[in-house]
Amino acid sequence: MADHQEASVTLPSDPASVSAARTYVAKVLTEWGLPEGAEVGDTIRLIVSELATNAVQHTLGQSPTFTVDVRLDRDEQLRIGVTDSHPRHPRRLPAAVQQDNGRGMVIIRWLTAECGGRLSVSPTEEGGKTVWIALPWTLPAQHRLRRMSPIASPSGPAPPTPLVYSGGAIAPSSPAA
């Protein structure tokens, strides 16, 4: 496996893009070796949903798109970032007991910490920000062995197919051969 893998997708700041972001990250992680149905996969999808929702709801129309970056370093650390062009950093909003929103950052921080990770925010050169989570990357031993098997490609798994957003769905950028 390569020392570093990256994948990203840019989506419109639209509520439908939250599901597209979640689906994209799940597909990338599966291609990188995360077994389907892994409990941490559910947690990561929830974190991505919350990050993407924040990028859509709290940029006050100042960010027409947001980008989801997924990075895997040395089979040790998974980093997922959501970048938008709004300069305001996320903050905890007051949430009444009956209110349905206002808890996203609390959920993200708690789930990230529960997985042994951390959350950070960094400014972009364009004046926006990226909200990052960093999580330890561990795969079950049998899955690591299967990926390293001589039957598998010596260069490791193929990189994720570039995907594009098109009318409410993410699709391969070119037809499959």
Foldseek 3Di string as FASTA:
>chain_A
DDQKAKAKAKDFLDLLVLVQQLVVVLVQVVLVQADPPDPVNVLVSLLSSLQSPCQNPVLVPPFRMKMWMWMDGRLWKIKIKIKTQRQDDDDQDDDDPPRPDRCSVVSNQVSLVVQVKHWDKDADPNRIIIIMIMGTHDDPPVRVCVQCDPVHDPVTGDHDAHWYDDDSHIDHPDDDD
